[in-house]
Amino acid sequence: MLFVSLINIIFGTIYGIFAGSLSIIGLFVATIFFWEKLAINRL
């Protein structure tokens, strides 16, 4: 049982880090896309 919970904790941490970095990258890309659109509209 301890081994299973240890695996769950490890996979949960990896998944959390993965999801966090994905959301940060998505936010970054969306911000860049938004500013590119603003710059194009200004021109």
N, C-alpha and C. Protein backbone atom coordinates (compact mmCIF):
# COMPACT_ATOMS: atom_id res chain seq x y z
N MET A 1 0.84 -1.20 0.00
CA MET A 1 0.00 0.00 0.00
C MET A 1 0.87 1.25 0.00
N LEU A 2 1.95 1.20 0.78
CA LEU A 2 2.85 2.36 0.85
C LEU A 2 3.49 2.62 -0.51
N PHE A 3 3.85 1.52 -1.19
CA PHE A 3 4.49 1.64 -2.50
C PHE A 3 3.54 2.29 -3.51
N VAL A 4 2.26 1.90 -3.45
CA VAL A 4 1.27 2.45 -4.38
C VAL A 4 1.09 3.95 -4.13
N SER A 5 1.01 4.34 -2.86
CA SER A 5 0.82 5.75 -2.55
C SER A 5 2.07 6.55 -2.94
N LEU A 6 3.24 5.94 -2.81
CA LEU A 6 4.48 6.60 -3.21
C LEU A 6 4.47 6.86 -4.72
N ILE A 7 4.05 5.85 -5.48
CA ILE A 7 3.96 6.00 -6.94
C ILE A 7 2.93 7.07 -7.29
N ASN A 8 1.82 7.08 -6.57
CA ASN A 8 0.79 8.10 -6.81
C ASN A 8 1.33 9.49 -6.56
N ILE A 9 2.09 9.66 -5.47
CA ILE A 9 2.67 10.97 -5.14
C ILE A 9 3.64 11.40 -6.23
N ILE A 10 4.50 10.47 -6.67
CA ILE A 10 5.49 10.80 -7.69
C ILE A 10 4.80 11.19 -9.00
N PHE A 11 3.82 10.39 -9.43
CA PHE A 11 3.14 10.70 -10.69
C PHE A 11 2.31 11.97 -10.56
N GLY A 12 1.74 12.20 -9.38
CA GLY A 12 0.97 13.42 -9.16
C GLY A 12 1.86 14.65 -9.24
N THR A 13 3.06 14.54 -8.67
CA THR A 13 3.99 15.67 -8.72
C THR A 13 4.44 15.94 -10.15
N ILE A 14 4.78 14.88 -10.87
CA ILE A 14 5.20 15.03 -12.27
C ILE A 14 4.07 15.63 -13.10
N TYR A 15 2.85 15.15 -12.88
CA TYR A 15 1.71 15.67 -13.63
C TYR A 15 1.44 17.13 -13.27
N GLY A 16 1.60 17.46 -11.98
CA GLY A 16 1.39 18.84 -11.54
C GLY A 16 2.40 19.78 -12.18
N ILE A 17 3.67 19.37 -12.19
CA ILE A 17 4.71 20.19 -12.81
C ILE A 17 4.44 20.32 -14.31
N PHE A 18 4.06 19.22 -14.94
CA PHE A 18 3.78 19.22 -16.38
C PHE A 18 2.61 20.15 -16.71
N ALA A 19 1.52 20.04 -15.93
CA ALA A 19 0.35 20.88 -16.17
C ALA A 19 0.67 22.35 -15.90
N GLY A 20 1.45 22.60 -14.85
CA GLY A 20 1.83 23.97 -14.53
C GLY A 20 2.66 24.60 -15.64
N SER A 21 3.65 23.87 -16.13
CA SER A 21 4.50 24.41 -17.19
C SER A 21 3.70 24.58 -18.48
N LEU A 22 2.75 23.66 -18.73
CA LEU A 22 1.91 23.79 -19.92
C LEU A 22 1.06 25.05 -19.85
N SER A 23 0.46 25.32 -18.69
CA SER A 23 -0.38 26.50 -18.55
C SER A 23 0.45 27.78 -18.66
N ILE A 24 1.68 27.76 -18.11
CA ILE A 24 2.56 28.93 -18.20
C ILE A 24 2.94 29.18 -19.66
N ILE A 25 3.28 28.10 -20.38
CA ILE A 25 3.64 28.23 -21.80
C ILE A 25 2.43 28.73 -22.60
N GLY A 26 1.25 28.20 -22.29
CA GLY A 26 0.04 28.63 -23.00
C GLY A 26 -0.26 30.10 -22.75
N LEU A 27 -0.10 30.54 -21.51
CA LEU A 27 -0.32 31.95 -21.16
C LEU A 27 0.68 32.84 -21.90
N PHE A 28 1.94 32.41 -21.94
CA PHE A 28 3.00 33.14 -22.61
C PHE A 28 2.70 33.29 -24.10
N VAL A 29 2.31 32.18 -24.73
CA VAL A 29 1.99 32.19 -26.16
C VAL A 29 0.77 33.08 -26.44
N ALA A 30 -0.24 32.99 -25.57
CA ALA A 30 -1.44 33.81 -25.76
C ALA A 30 -1.11 35.29 -25.63
N THR A 31 -0.24 35.64 -24.68
CA THR A 31 0.16 37.04 -24.49
C THR A 31 0.91 37.55 -25.71
N ILE A 32 1.85 36.74 -26.21
CA ILE A 32 2.61 37.12 -27.40
C ILE A 32 1.67 37.29 -28.59
N PHE A 33 0.75 36.36 -28.75
CA PHE A 33 -0.22 36.42 -29.85
C PHE A 33 -1.07 37.68 -29.75
N PHE A 34 -1.51 38.00 -28.51
CA PHE A 34 -2.33 39.18 -28.27
C PHE A 34 -1.57 40.45 -28.65
N TRP A 35 -0.31 40.56 -28.22
CA TRP A 35 0.48 41.76 -28.52
C TRP A 35 0.80 41.86 -30.00
N GLU A 36 1.04 40.71 -30.66
CA GLU A 36 1.27 40.72 -32.11
C GLU A 36 0.03 41.26 -32.83
N LYS A 37 -1.14 40.83 -32.38
CA LYS A 37 -2.39 41.28 -32.99
C LYS A 37 -2.57 42.78 -32.78
N LEU A 38 -2.26 43.26 -31.57
CA LEU A 38 -2.36 44.69 -31.29
C LEU A 38 -1.41 45.47 -32.18
N ALA A 39 -0.17 44.99 -32.31
CA ALA A 39 0.83 45.68 -33.12
C ALA A 39 0.39 45.72 -34.59
N ILE A 40 -0.16 44.61 -35.08
CA ILE A 40 -0.62 44.56 -36.47
C ILE A 40 -1.79 45.52 -36.67
N ASN A 41 -2.69 45.59 -35.70
CA ASN A 41 -3.84 46.48 -35.80
C ASN A 41 -3.41 47.95 -35.77
N ARG A 42 -2.35 48.26 -35.03
CA ARG A 42 -1.87 49.64 -34.96
C ARG A 42 -1.25 50.06 -36.28
N LEU A 43 -0.57 49.12 -36.94
CA LEU A 43 0.02 49.44 -38.24
C LEU A 43 -1.10 49.56 -39.28
